Amino acid sequence: MAAALVLLLISGGCTQQAGSPAEPTSGITVTQPDDSHITIAFVGAPGMDNLIELEYTVTDDNGKIRTTSDGSRLATTPIQVHATESFTGAYSGKNHVVITGYFSDGSHRVLVEKDI
């Protein structure tokens, strides 16, 4: 009987389907339509309703760093869905994008970190 219980626990323990995401989405898209522009958009995601600031940092392949933000860590108004930020410059090589989210509970975390 104990062996049957162990087999039941092992076979029933994995309920996540293959290919389903392990992490929630950041709700942010990063696109590079051409060699001169990078566009970032907050498209919204569950659990992001208390996001009050987005800080964007783009480092081009020459090491030039540009940082800007939407919203304010001191505000109480959340970032609006479909808020966008555009970077214009020489982005023909590999570019590194880091987006940090600041939340109304005082926490913050990196939402996106990727090379484009």
N, C-alpha and C. Protein backbone atom coordinates (compact mmCIF):
# COMPACT_ATOMS: atom_id res chain seq x y z
N MET A 1 0.82 -1.19 0.00
CA MET A 1 0.00 0.00 0.00
C MET A 1 0.87 1.26 0.00
N ALA A 2 1.96 1.24 0.74
CA ALA A 2 2.86 2.39 0.78
C ALA A 2 3.47 2.65 -0.60
N ALA A 3 3.82 1.59 -1.32
CA ALA A 3 4.39 1.74 -2.66
C ALA A 3 3.37 2.37 -3.61
N ALA A 4 2.12 1.96 -3.49
CA ALA A 4 1.07 2.52 -4.33
C ALA A 4 0.88 4.01 -4.04
N LEU A 5 0.97 4.39 -2.76
CA LEU A 5 0.84 5.79 -2.38
C LEU A 5 2.00 6.61 -2.93
N VAL A 6 3.21 6.09 -2.88
CA VAL A 6 4.37 6.79 -3.43
C VAL A 6 4.21 6.98 -4.93
N LEU A 7 3.80 5.94 -5.64
CA LEU A 7 3.58 6.06 -7.08
C LEU A 7 2.50 7.08 -7.41
N LEU A 8 1.44 7.11 -6.63
CA LEU A 8 0.38 8.08 -6.83
C LEU A 8 0.88 9.50 -6.62
N LEU A 9 1.67 9.72 -5.59
CA LEU A 9 2.21 11.05 -5.31
C LEU A 9 3.18 11.49 -6.42
N ILE A 10 4.02 10.58 -6.89
CA ILE A 10 4.98 10.93 -7.93
C ILE A 10 4.27 11.24 -9.23
N SER A 11 3.32 10.39 -9.62
CA SER A 11 2.64 10.61 -10.90
C SER A 11 1.71 11.81 -10.87
N GLY A 12 1.18 12.15 -9.73
CA GLY A 12 0.25 13.28 -9.64
C GLY A 12 0.94 14.57 -9.29
N GLY A 13 2.22 14.54 -9.00
CA GLY A 13 2.91 15.74 -8.54
C GLY A 13 3.22 16.74 -9.62
N CYS A 14 3.29 16.34 -10.87
CA CYS A 14 3.65 17.24 -11.95
C CYS A 14 2.40 17.55 -12.77
N THR A 15 1.86 18.76 -12.59
CA THR A 15 0.64 19.12 -13.29
C THR A 15 0.87 20.21 -14.32
N GLN A 16 2.08 20.80 -14.37
CA GLN A 16 2.36 21.85 -15.34
C GLN A 16 2.60 21.24 -16.70
N GLN A 17 1.93 21.78 -17.71
CA GLN A 17 2.08 21.26 -19.06
C GLN A 17 3.42 21.70 -19.63
N ALA A 18 4.00 20.85 -20.46
CA ALA A 18 5.25 21.20 -21.12
C ALA A 18 5.03 22.43 -21.99
N GLY A 19 5.99 23.34 -21.95
CA GLY A 19 5.91 24.53 -22.77
C GLY A 19 5.19 25.70 -22.12
N SER A 20 4.57 25.50 -20.97
CA SER A 20 3.91 26.63 -20.33
C SER A 20 4.95 27.44 -19.58
N PRO A 21 4.77 28.76 -19.51
CA PRO A 21 5.80 29.60 -18.92
C PRO A 21 5.94 29.39 -17.42
N ALA A 22 7.17 29.36 -16.96
CA ALA A 22 7.44 29.21 -15.54
C ALA A 22 7.39 30.56 -14.83
N GLU A 23 7.68 31.64 -15.55
CA GLU A 23 7.71 32.98 -14.99
C GLU A 23 6.59 33.81 -15.61
N PRO A 24 5.99 34.72 -14.84
CA PRO A 24 4.98 35.59 -15.43
C PRO A 24 5.64 36.55 -16.42
N THR A 25 4.89 37.01 -17.38
CA THR A 25 5.42 37.94 -18.37
C THR A 25 5.67 39.30 -17.73
N SER A 26 6.64 40.02 -18.27
CA SER A 26 6.94 41.35 -17.75
C SER A 26 5.95 42.37 -18.27
N GLY A 27 5.25 42.04 -19.35
CA GLY A 27 4.31 42.98 -19.93
C GLY A 27 5.00 44.08 -20.72
N ILE A 28 6.26 43.86 -21.09
CA ILE A 28 7.05 44.87 -21.80
C ILE A 28 7.57 44.28 -23.10
N THR A 29 7.42 45.05 -24.18
CA THR A 29 8.00 44.63 -25.45
C THR A 29 9.14 45.56 -25.81
N VAL A 30 10.19 45.00 -26.38
CA VAL A 30 11.34 45.77 -26.85
C VAL A 30 11.52 45.43 -28.33
N THR A 31 11.46 46.44 -29.17
CA THR A 31 11.63 46.22 -30.61
C THR A 31 12.68 47.17 -31.15
N GLN A 32 13.31 46.74 -32.23
CA GLN A 32 14.28 47.56 -32.94
C GLN A 32 13.86 47.59 -34.41
N PRO A 33 13.03 48.57 -34.79
CA PRO A 33 12.52 48.60 -36.16
C PRO A 33 13.58 48.87 -37.21
N ASP A 34 14.68 49.55 -36.82
CA ASP A 34 15.77 49.82 -37.75
C ASP A 34 17.04 50.10 -36.95
N ASP A 35 18.13 50.46 -37.63
CA ASP A 35 19.42 50.68 -36.97
C ASP A 35 19.49 51.98 -36.18
N SER A 36 18.44 52.78 -36.20
CA SER A 36 18.46 54.07 -35.52
C SER A 36 17.47 54.18 -34.37
N HIS A 37 16.64 53.14 -34.16
CA HIS A 37 15.57 53.26 -33.16
C HIS A 37 15.41 51.98 -32.34
N ILE A 38 15.14 52.17 -31.07
CA ILE A 38 14.71 51.10 -30.18
C ILE A 38 13.44 51.60 -29.51
N THR A 39 12.39 50.80 -29.55
CA THR A 39 11.12 51.20 -28.96
C THR A 39 10.73 50.21 -27.87
N ILE A 40 10.34 50.76 -26.73
CA ILE A 40 9.93 49.95 -25.58
C ILE A 40 8.50 50.32 -25.25
N ALA A 41 7.65 49.31 -25.04
CA ALA A 41 6.25 49.56 -24.73
C ALA A 41 5.82 48.70 -23.55
N PHE A 42 5.09 49.30 -22.63
CA PHE A 42 4.48 48.57 -21.52
C PHE A 42 3.09 48.17 -21.98
N VAL A 43 2.90 46.88 -22.23
CA VAL A 43 1.63 46.41 -22.74
C VAL A 43 0.73 45.85 -21.65
N GLY A 44 1.22 45.84 -20.44
CA GLY A 44 0.43 45.36 -19.31
C GLY A 44 0.58 43.88 -19.08
N ALA A 45 0.37 43.47 -17.84
CA ALA A 45 0.45 42.06 -17.46
C ALA A 45 -0.20 41.91 -16.10
N PRO A 46 -0.70 40.72 -15.81
CA PRO A 46 -1.27 40.49 -14.48
C PRO A 46 -0.22 40.75 -13.39
N GLY A 47 -0.64 41.37 -12.33
CA GLY A 47 0.24 41.66 -11.20
C GLY A 47 1.08 42.91 -11.37
N MET A 48 0.87 43.65 -12.44
CA MET A 48 1.67 44.85 -12.69
C MET A 48 0.87 46.13 -12.44
N ASP A 49 -0.26 46.03 -11.77
CA ASP A 49 -1.10 47.20 -11.57
C ASP A 49 -0.55 48.17 -10.53
N ASN A 50 0.47 47.78 -9.77
CA ASN A 50 1.08 48.69 -8.81
C ASN A 50 2.47 49.16 -9.27
N LEU A 51 2.74 49.06 -10.57
CA LEU A 51 3.99 49.54 -11.17
C LEU A 51 3.91 51.05 -11.30
N ILE A 52 4.83 51.79 -10.66
CA ILE A 52 4.75 53.25 -10.67
C ILE A 52 5.89 53.92 -11.43
N GLU A 53 6.96 53.18 -11.73
CA GLU A 53 8.04 53.75 -12.54
C GLU A 53 8.73 52.65 -13.34
N LEU A 54 9.06 52.97 -14.57
CA LEU A 54 9.89 52.11 -15.40
C LEU A 54 11.16 52.87 -15.73
N GLU A 55 12.29 52.28 -15.44
CA GLU A 55 13.59 52.88 -15.77
C GLU A 55 14.21 52.06 -16.90
N TYR A 56 14.55 52.74 -17.99
CA TYR A 56 15.08 52.08 -19.18
C TYR A 56 16.55 52.46 -19.35
N THR A 57 17.40 51.46 -19.55
CA THR A 57 18.81 51.71 -19.84
C THR A 57 19.19 50.94 -21.09
N VAL A 58 19.72 51.67 -22.07
CA VAL A 58 20.17 51.06 -23.32
C VAL A 58 21.67 51.36 -23.46
N THR A 59 22.44 50.30 -23.67
CA THR A 59 23.87 50.43 -23.91
C THR A 59 24.14 49.95 -25.33
N ASP A 60 24.69 50.85 -26.17
CA ASP A 60 24.97 50.45 -27.55
C ASP A 60 26.29 49.68 -27.63
N ASP A 61 26.63 49.20 -28.81
CA ASP A 61 27.83 48.37 -28.95
C ASP A 61 29.13 49.14 -28.79
N ASN A 62 29.05 50.47 -28.72
CA ASN A 62 30.23 51.30 -28.44
C ASN A 62 30.37 51.62 -26.95
N GLY A 63 29.43 51.13 -26.15
CA GLY A 63 29.47 51.38 -24.71
C GLY A 63 28.76 52.64 -24.26
N LYS A 64 28.12 53.35 -25.18
CA LYS A 64 27.37 54.56 -24.81
C LYS A 64 26.09 54.14 -24.10
N ILE A 65 25.87 54.72 -22.93
CA ILE A 65 24.72 54.36 -22.09
C ILE A 65 23.72 55.52 -22.06
N ARG A 66 22.46 55.19 -22.28
CA ARG A 66 21.38 56.16 -22.15
C ARG A 66 20.34 55.59 -21.20
N THR A 67 19.95 56.40 -20.21
CA THR A 67 18.94 55.99 -19.24
C THR A 67 17.86 57.05 -19.17
N THR A 68 16.62 56.58 -19.15
CA THR A 68 15.47 57.47 -18.99
C THR A 68 14.39 56.70 -18.24
N SER A 69 13.33 57.38 -17.84
CA SER A 69 12.27 56.68 -17.11
C SER A 69 10.91 57.29 -17.39
N ASP A 70 9.89 56.50 -17.12
CA ASP A 70 8.49 56.93 -17.14
C ASP A 70 7.94 56.73 -15.75
N GLY A 71 7.11 57.67 -15.31
CA GLY A 71 6.53 57.56 -13.97
C GLY A 71 7.48 58.10 -12.92
N SER A 72 7.14 57.83 -11.66
CA SER A 72 7.97 58.32 -10.55
C SER A 72 7.85 57.38 -9.37
N ARG A 73 9.00 57.10 -8.75
CA ARG A 73 9.01 56.26 -7.55
C ARG A 73 8.28 56.93 -6.39
N LEU A 74 8.11 58.22 -6.47
CA LEU A 74 7.45 58.97 -5.40
C LEU A 74 5.95 59.13 -5.66
N ALA A 75 5.49 58.68 -6.79
CA ALA A 75 4.08 58.85 -7.17
C ALA A 75 3.23 57.71 -6.63
N THR A 76 1.95 57.89 -6.74
CA THR A 76 1.01 56.83 -6.40
C THR A 76 0.22 56.38 -7.62
N THR A 77 0.41 57.07 -8.74
CA THR A 77 -0.30 56.73 -9.97
C THR A 77 0.47 55.66 -10.73
N PRO A 78 -0.17 54.56 -11.07
CA PRO A 78 0.53 53.51 -11.80
C PRO A 78 0.86 53.92 -13.24
N ILE A 79 1.84 53.24 -13.81
CA ILE A 79 2.19 53.44 -15.22
C ILE A 79 1.00 53.01 -16.06
N GLN A 80 0.67 53.81 -17.04
CA GLN A 80 -0.45 53.50 -17.92
C GLN A 80 -0.05 52.43 -18.93
N VAL A 81 -0.95 51.50 -19.16
CA VAL A 81 -0.73 50.49 -20.19
C VAL A 81 -0.59 51.21 -21.53
N HIS A 82 0.31 50.74 -22.35
CA HIS A 82 0.66 51.28 -23.65
C HIS A 82 1.58 52.49 -23.57
N ALA A 83 2.17 52.75 -22.39
CA ALA A 83 3.20 53.77 -22.29
C ALA A 83 4.39 53.31 -23.12
N THR A 84 4.98 54.22 -23.88
CA THR A 84 6.11 53.85 -24.74
C THR A 84 7.28 54.79 -24.51
N GLU A 85 8.44 54.29 -24.81
CA GLU A 85 9.67 55.07 -24.76
C GLU A 85 10.47 54.71 -26.00
N SER A 86 11.01 55.73 -26.68
CA SER A 86 11.80 55.48 -27.88
C SER A 86 13.20 56.05 -27.70
N PHE A 87 14.17 55.29 -28.18
CA PHE A 87 15.56 55.72 -28.18
C PHE A 87 15.98 55.89 -29.63
N THR A 88 16.61 57.03 -29.94
CA THR A 88 17.10 57.30 -31.29
C THR A 88 18.61 57.46 -31.21
N GLY A 89 19.32 56.77 -32.08
CA GLY A 89 20.77 56.84 -32.08
C GLY A 89 21.35 55.84 -33.05
N ALA A 90 22.62 55.52 -32.85
CA ALA A 90 23.31 54.55 -33.71
C ALA A 90 23.23 53.18 -33.05
N TYR A 91 22.24 52.40 -33.44
CA TYR A 91 22.00 51.09 -32.82
C TYR A 91 22.15 49.95 -33.84
N SER A 92 23.17 50.06 -34.70
CA SER A 92 23.35 49.04 -35.73
C SER A 92 23.97 47.75 -35.20
N GLY A 93 24.70 47.82 -34.12
CA GLY A 93 25.34 46.62 -33.57
C GLY A 93 24.49 45.96 -32.50
N LYS A 94 25.15 45.22 -31.61
CA LYS A 94 24.45 44.56 -30.51
C LYS A 94 24.23 45.59 -29.40
N ASN A 95 23.00 45.68 -28.94
CA ASN A 95 22.61 46.64 -27.91
C ASN A 95 22.05 45.91 -26.71
N HIS A 96 22.37 46.41 -25.52
CA HIS A 96 21.90 45.76 -24.29
C HIS A 96 20.83 46.64 -23.65
N VAL A 97 19.69 46.04 -23.34
CA VAL A 97 18.56 46.76 -22.77
C VAL A 97 18.25 46.19 -21.39
N VAL A 98 18.16 47.08 -20.39
CA VAL A 98 17.76 46.69 -19.03
C VAL A 98 16.60 47.59 -18.64
N ILE A 99 15.51 46.97 -18.19
CA ILE A 99 14.34 47.72 -17.75
C ILE A 99 14.01 47.30 -16.33
N THR A 100 14.01 48.28 -15.43
CA THR A 100 13.73 48.03 -14.02
C THR A 100 12.38 48.63 -13.68
N GLY A 101 11.57 47.86 -12.98
CA GLY A 101 10.26 48.32 -12.54
C GLY A 101 10.29 48.65 -11.06
N TYR A 102 9.68 49.77 -10.70
CA TYR A 102 9.55 50.19 -9.30
C TYR A 102 8.06 50.15 -8.95
N PHE A 103 7.75 49.58 -7.80
CA PHE A 103 6.37 49.32 -7.42
C PHE A 103 5.96 50.14 -6.19
N SER A 104 4.66 50.33 -6.04
CA SER A 104 4.13 51.18 -4.96
C SER A 104 4.42 50.65 -3.57
N ASP A 105 4.75 49.36 -3.44
CA ASP A 105 5.09 48.82 -2.12
C ASP A 105 6.57 49.05 -1.76
N GLY A 106 7.30 49.80 -2.61
CA GLY A 106 8.70 50.11 -2.36
C GLY A 106 9.67 49.12 -2.98
N SER A 107 9.18 48.05 -3.55
CA SER A 107 10.06 47.05 -4.16
C SER A 107 10.43 47.45 -5.58
N HIS A 108 11.47 46.83 -6.09
CA HIS A 108 11.85 47.01 -7.49
C HIS A 108 12.51 45.73 -7.97
N ARG A 109 12.45 45.51 -9.29
CA ARG A 109 13.10 44.34 -9.87
C ARG A 109 13.34 44.57 -11.36
N VAL A 110 14.34 43.88 -11.88
CA VAL A 110 14.62 43.94 -13.30
C VAL A 110 13.53 43.14 -14.01
N LEU A 111 12.83 43.80 -14.93
CA LEU A 111 11.75 43.17 -15.67
C LEU A 111 12.21 42.61 -17.00
N VAL A 112 13.18 43.28 -17.61
CA VAL A 112 13.73 42.85 -18.89
C VAL A 112 15.23 43.10 -18.88
N GLU A 113 15.98 42.12 -19.33
CA GLU A 113 17.40 42.30 -19.59
C GLU A 113 17.72 41.44 -20.80
N LYS A 114 18.05 42.11 -21.91
CA LYS A 114 18.27 41.36 -23.14
C LYS A 114 19.16 42.13 -24.10
N ASP A 115 19.77 41.38 -24.99
CA ASP A 115 20.53 41.97 -26.10
C ASP A 115 19.66 41.96 -27.33
N ILE A 116 19.71 43.07 -28.08
CA ILE A 116 18.96 43.12 -29.34
C ILE A 116 19.89 43.59 -30.44
